[in-house]
């Protein structure tokens, strides 16, 4: 029997508007988050923690953060968030003043320990800009933190992907100093996964020798335009989130990332009948 994993759920790009407002005039992001929270609460075994990897709100305004907090209130799992390019550092600090921020001002980096796994939340937001950049203070903190406790696995979360995914307008606003992040993770083997948001689509690649994922969104998806045929566009596709499962084992164990669809679906149904035969 497999050892019990530590389950870290990741949701991303919530884009909460003021009550009653629709994103881009079409998408009810509040209703989408309500469905996402319901799916998270119903998932078994329950996740140990939830990371929200940026773009918690849309404009941003204090009213949107107030609405966000009300929508997250039913969530039965502890959570933490990091800013995306649609967020405001000061407004986010005010909305979540008890978060374990590493610095009193500037980036909203956080370190959270969950059952023997370190979650390192990196603030890649650049105030007023769509692209990402990790400030010197964040890089220094990450380097020093990864150098400690080498026997503990670490999962890294940030909003902006450190790689190009092929969607032309998103590739223009990814993490601009990905090379500096690569230098750090290459020499720190306890980093087991980099998990991002921003693109509203599930993606998987290797970055600096490390499996690196992008989490889908609970609301709308950036159109998968790999031929540069369209202006920046979105589609309303089946929503989902990620579950990162860390399994203890040899060395620092291993991490498996699952995509979980949001909603209720037919099943589960058994493969075998009472007689043990395949149905």
Protein backbone atom coordinates (compact mmCIF):
# COMPACT_ATOMS: atom_id res chain seq x y z
CA UNK A 1 0.00 0.00 0.00
CA UNK A 2 1.36 3.43 -0.93
CA UNK A 3 2.34 5.74 1.94
CA UNK A 4 -0.14 8.51 2.72
CA UNK A 5 0.69 11.54 0.58
CA UNK A 6 0.68 15.19 1.58
CA UNK A 7 -1.89 16.86 -0.68
CA UNK A 8 -1.42 20.47 -1.74
CA UNK A 9 -4.27 21.86 -3.84
CA UNK A 10 -3.49 24.73 -6.19
CA UNK A 11 -6.12 27.07 -7.58
CA UNK A 12 -5.25 30.07 -9.68
CA UNK A 13 -6.45 33.15 -11.52
CA UNK A 14 -9.74 33.72 -9.71
CA UNK A 15 -10.23 37.26 -11.12
CA UNK A 16 -12.93 38.20 -8.64
CA UNK A 17 -14.90 41.34 -9.62
CA UNK A 18 -17.22 43.46 -7.46
CA UNK A 19 -20.49 41.68 -6.60
CA UNK A 20 -22.66 41.29 -9.68
CA UNK A 21 -19.95 42.20 -12.21
CA UNK A 22 -18.75 39.81 -14.94
CA UNK A 23 -15.16 39.51 -16.15
CA UNK A 24 -14.92 40.80 -19.73
CA UNK A 25 -18.69 41.23 -19.57
CA UNK A 26 -19.19 37.45 -19.94
CA UNK A 27 -17.62 35.36 -17.16
CA UNK A 28 -19.15 35.00 -13.68
CA UNK A 29 -15.90 34.48 -11.81
CA UNK A 30 -17.63 34.56 -8.41
CA UNK A 31 -19.91 31.66 -9.33
CA UNK A 32 -16.89 29.83 -10.73
CA UNK A 33 -15.04 30.22 -7.42
CA UNK A 34 -18.09 29.00 -5.50
CA UNK A 35 -18.09 25.80 -7.57
CA UNK A 36 -14.34 25.46 -7.08
CA UNK A 37 -14.64 25.78 -3.29
CA UNK A 38 -17.45 23.21 -3.23
CA UNK A 39 -15.31 20.74 -5.21
CA UNK A 40 -12.32 21.31 -2.93
CA UNK A 41 -14.46 20.73 0.17
CA UNK A 42 -15.89 17.51 -1.26
CA UNK A 43 -12.55 16.06 -2.44
CA UNK A 44 -11.41 12.98 -0.50
CA UNK A 45 -9.03 12.61 1.07
CA UNK A 46 -9.13 16.27 1.96
CA UNK A 47 -6.24 18.41 0.80
CA UNK A 48 -3.87 19.52 3.55
CA UNK A 49 -3.48 23.05 2.19
CA UNK A 50 -4.55 25.27 -0.72
CA UNK A 51 -2.23 27.65 -2.57
CA UNK A 52 -3.82 30.39 -4.67
CA UNK A 53 -1.21 31.28 -7.27
CA UNK A 54 -2.12 34.82 -8.20
CA UNK A 55 -4.74 37.07 -9.80
CA UNK A 56 -7.04 36.67 -6.82
CA UNK A 57 -9.00 39.73 -7.95
CA UNK A 58 -9.30 41.56 -11.23
CA UNK A 59 -9.00 45.36 -11.12
CA UNK A 60 -7.83 45.47 -8.18
CA UNK A 61 -9.93 47.24 -5.52
CA UNK A 62 -10.59 46.81 -1.81
CA UNK A 63 -14.19 45.93 -2.71
CA UNK A 64 -12.99 43.01 -4.81
CA UNK A 65 -10.81 41.68 -1.98
CA UNK A 66 -13.76 41.95 0.43
CA UNK A 67 -15.88 39.96 -2.03
CA UNK A 68 -13.07 37.42 -2.44
CA UNK A 69 -12.84 36.85 1.31
CA UNK A 70 -16.58 36.19 1.53
CA UNK A 71 -16.36 33.70 -1.33
CA UNK A 72 -13.42 31.91 0.32
CA UNK A 73 -15.06 31.82 3.78
CA UNK A 74 -16.76 28.42 3.13
CA UNK A 75 -13.42 26.80 2.22
CA UNK A 76 -12.71 24.17 4.88
CA UNK A 77 -8.97 23.95 4.15
CA UNK A 78 -6.29 26.45 5.21
CA UNK A 79 -4.98 28.54 2.33
CA UNK A 80 -2.53 31.24 1.31
CA UNK A 81 -2.22 33.36 -1.80
CA UNK A 82 0.47 35.19 -3.72
CA UNK A 83 -0.10 38.17 -6.02
CA UNK A 84 -0.45 38.06 -9.77
CA UNK A 85 -0.34 40.94 -12.20
CA UNK A 86 -4.01 41.79 -11.48
CA UNK A 87 -3.37 42.08 -7.73
CA UNK A 88 -2.19 44.88 -5.46
CA UNK A 89 0.43 44.17 -2.81
CA UNK A 90 -0.87 46.82 -0.35
CA UNK A 91 -4.51 45.79 -0.78
CA UNK A 92 -3.61 42.13 -0.43
CA UNK A 93 -1.64 42.78 2.75
CA UNK A 94 -4.63 44.64 4.14
CA UNK A 95 -7.03 41.86 3.15
CA UNK A 96 -4.86 39.06 4.60
CA UNK A 97 -2.84 40.71 7.38
CA UNK A 98 -2.12 37.46 9.26
CA UNK A 99 -0.32 35.71 6.39
CA UNK A 100 3.30 34.75 7.23
CA UNK A 101 4.94 37.30 4.94
CA UNK A 102 8.73 37.09 4.93
CA UNK A 103 9.15 40.86 4.53
CA UNK A 104 7.27 43.71 6.18
CA UNK A 105 7.20 45.68 2.92
CA UNK A 106 7.65 44.81 -0.73
CA UNK A 107 7.11 41.30 -2.13
CA UNK A 108 4.56 39.06 -0.40
CA UNK A 109 6.84 36.01 -0.21
CA UNK A 110 5.82 33.32 2.26
CA UNK A 111 7.15 30.06 3.69
CA UNK A 112 4.58 27.56 4.96
CA UNK A 113 5.35 24.11 6.40
CA UNK A 114 2.74 21.41 5.79
CA UNK A 115 3.40 17.97 7.28
CA UNK A 116 7.10 17.93 6.48
CA UNK A 117 6.86 19.75 3.14
CA UNK A 118 7.96 23.37 2.68
CA UNK A 119 5.75 25.53 0.48
CA UNK A 120 7.74 28.52 -0.80
CA UNK A 121 5.42 31.16 -2.24
CA UNK A 122 7.29 33.65 -4.45
CA UNK A 123 5.84 37.02 -5.34
CA UNK A 124 6.64 37.54 -9.04
CA UNK A 125 4.32 40.52 -9.51
CA UNK A 126 5.59 43.83 -10.88
CA UNK A 127 3.29 46.65 -9.73
CA UNK A 128 1.41 48.07 -12.70
CA UNK A 129 2.91 45.66 -15.25
CA UNK A 130 1.64 42.38 -16.75
CA UNK A 131 4.99 40.54 -16.80
CA UNK A 132 6.73 38.89 -13.87
CA UNK A 133 10.06 39.50 -12.14
CA UNK A 134 11.52 38.11 -8.92
CA UNK A 135 13.07 40.96 -6.93
CA UNK A 136 16.57 40.65 -5.48
CA UNK A 137 15.16 40.28 -1.97
CA UNK A 138 12.98 37.36 -3.10
CA UNK A 139 15.85 35.62 -4.89
CA UNK A 140 18.14 36.08 -1.88
CA UNK A 141 15.51 34.73 0.50
CA UNK A 142 14.79 31.75 -1.77
CA UNK A 143 18.48 30.89 -2.13
CA UNK A 144 19.07 31.03 1.61
CA UNK A 145 15.89 29.12 2.44
CA UNK A 146 16.54 26.29 -0.01
CA UNK A 147 20.05 25.94 1.41
CA UNK A 148 18.63 25.12 4.84
CA UNK A 149 17.08 21.82 5.96
CA UNK A 150 18.30 19.82 2.93
CA UNK A 151 16.32 16.79 4.15
CA UNK A 152 12.94 18.52 3.58
CA UNK A 153 11.25 18.66 0.16
CA UNK A 154 10.17 22.10 -1.10
CA UNK A 155 7.46 23.05 -3.58
CA UNK A 156 7.83 26.47 -5.23
CA UNK A 157 4.79 28.50 -6.26
CA UNK A 158 4.70 31.72 -8.27
CA UNK A 159 2.27 33.39 -10.64
CA UNK A 160 4.34 33.94 -13.79
CA UNK A 161 5.72 30.88 -15.62
CA UNK A 162 9.51 30.82 -16.10
CA UNK A 163 9.10 29.30 -19.57
CA UNK A 164 7.35 30.05 -22.87
CA UNK A 165 4.27 27.96 -23.59
CA UNK A 166 3.69 28.96 -27.21
CA UNK A 167 0.73 31.33 -26.77
CA UNK A 168 2.26 34.47 -28.25
CA UNK A 169 0.65 37.19 -26.13
CA UNK A 170 1.19 35.26 -22.87
CA UNK A 171 4.82 34.55 -23.74
CA UNK A 172 5.39 38.32 -23.81
CA UNK A 173 4.42 38.58 -20.14
CA UNK A 174 6.03 35.57 -18.46
CA UNK A 175 8.84 35.68 -15.84
CA UNK A 176 11.48 38.02 -17.24
CA UNK A 177 14.37 36.89 -14.99
CA UNK A 178 13.78 33.14 -15.22
CA UNK A 179 17.53 32.62 -15.65
CA UNK A 180 18.15 33.85 -12.10
CA UNK A 181 15.55 31.45 -10.74
CA UNK A 182 17.14 28.62 -12.72
CA UNK A 183 20.56 29.28 -11.16
CA UNK A 184 19.11 28.84 -7.68
CA UNK A 185 17.01 25.72 -8.21
CA UNK A 186 19.78 23.92 -10.11
CA UNK A 187 21.98 23.94 -7.02
CA UNK A 188 19.21 23.15 -4.53
CA UNK A 189 18.04 19.55 -4.96
CA UNK A 190 15.38 19.77 -2.26
CA UNK A 191 13.17 21.76 -4.67
CA UNK A 192 10.80 19.14 -6.11
CA UNK A 193 8.30 21.15 -8.17
CA UNK A 194 7.68 24.64 -9.56
CA UNK A 195 3.97 25.43 -9.91
CA UNK A 196 2.66 28.53 -11.68
CA UNK A 197 -0.54 30.20 -12.86
CA UNK A 198 -1.19 33.17 -15.18
CA UNK A 199 -2.03 31.31 -18.41
CA UNK A 200 -5.37 29.78 -17.31
CA UNK A 201 -4.34 26.48 -18.92
CA UNK A 202 -2.76 23.25 -17.70
CA UNK A 203 0.84 22.90 -18.92
CA UNK A 204 3.81 20.73 -18.02
CA UNK A 205 7.48 21.09 -18.87
CA UNK A 206 10.93 20.80 -17.33
CA UNK A 207 12.65 23.99 -16.18
CA UNK A 208 16.21 23.94 -14.86
CA UNK A 209 15.84 20.17 -14.55
CA UNK A 210 12.71 20.48 -12.40
CA UNK A 211 9.14 19.47 -13.34
CA UNK A 212 7.21 22.71 -13.77
CA UNK A 213 3.46 23.07 -14.14
CA UNK A 214 0.84 25.69 -14.88
CA UNK A 215 -2.49 25.38 -13.09
CA UNK A 216 -5.78 25.76 -15.02
CA UNK A 217 -8.38 28.27 -13.84
CA UNK A 218 -11.87 27.76 -12.38
CA UNK A 219 -13.46 30.23 -14.80
CA UNK A 220 -12.11 30.83 -18.32
CA UNK A 221 -9.11 29.64 -20.32
CA UNK A 222 -6.71 31.56 -22.49
CA UNK A 223 -7.32 30.33 -26.03
CA UNK A 224 -4.74 27.78 -27.17
CA UNK A 225 -3.63 29.79 -30.20
CA UNK A 226 -0.31 28.20 -31.12
CA UNK A 227 -0.39 29.60 -34.67
CA UNK A 228 -0.68 33.31 -33.78
CA UNK A 229 -3.94 33.57 -35.72
CA UNK A 230 -6.02 35.52 -33.20
CA UNK A 231 -5.83 38.60 -31.00
CA UNK A 232 -5.57 37.84 -27.27
CA UNK A 233 -8.69 35.73 -26.64
CA UNK A 234 -10.30 33.42 -24.09
CA UNK A 235 -12.65 30.45 -24.14
CA UNK A 236 -14.96 29.06 -21.48
CA UNK A 237 -13.61 25.52 -21.22
CA UNK A 238 -14.11 22.85 -18.51
CA UNK A 239 -12.66 24.31 -15.28
CA UNK A 240 -10.14 22.49 -13.10
CA UNK A 241 -7.44 22.81 -10.47
CA UNK A 242 -4.30 20.87 -9.52
CA UNK A 243 -3.53 18.56 -6.63
CA UNK A 244 0.20 18.15 -5.93
CA UNK A 245 0.68 14.89 -4.01
CA UNK A 246 4.01 14.42 -2.24
CA UNK A 247 4.75 10.79 -1.40
CA UNK A 248 7.45 10.13 1.21
CA UNK A 249 10.09 7.64 0.19
CA UNK A 250 13.72 7.24 -0.76
CA UNK A 251 15.59 10.52 -0.68
CA UNK A 252 13.08 13.36 -0.59
CA UNK A 253 10.22 11.28 -1.95
CA UNK A 254 8.40 12.25 -5.13
CA UNK A 255 5.63 14.57 -6.25
CA UNK A 256 2.74 13.69 -8.58
CA UNK A 257 0.46 16.41 -9.98
CA UNK A 258 -3.18 15.55 -10.72
CA UNK A 259 -5.71 17.67 -12.59
CA UNK A 260 -9.11 17.71 -10.87
CA UNK A 261 -12.19 18.80 -12.86
CA UNK A 262 -14.53 21.18 -11.06
CA UNK A 263 -18.14 20.07 -10.72
CA UNK A 264 -20.16 16.91 -10.11
CA UNK A 265 -19.84 13.96 -12.48
CA UNK A 266 -21.40 10.53 -12.85
CA UNK A 267 -19.68 7.88 -10.69
CA UNK A 268 -17.58 6.46 -9.28
CA UNK A 269 -18.74 3.07 -10.54
CA UNK A 270 -17.08 -0.28 -9.74
CA UNK A 271 -15.11 -2.15 -12.38
CA UNK A 272 -15.97 -5.51 -10.80
CA UNK A 273 -19.22 -7.11 -9.63
CA UNK A 274 -19.88 -8.91 -6.30
CA UNK A 275 -18.51 -12.10 -7.84
CA UNK A 276 -15.18 -10.42 -8.59
CA UNK A 277 -15.71 -10.57 -12.32
CA UNK A 278 -15.15 -7.60 -14.59
CA UNK A 279 -18.47 -5.96 -15.38
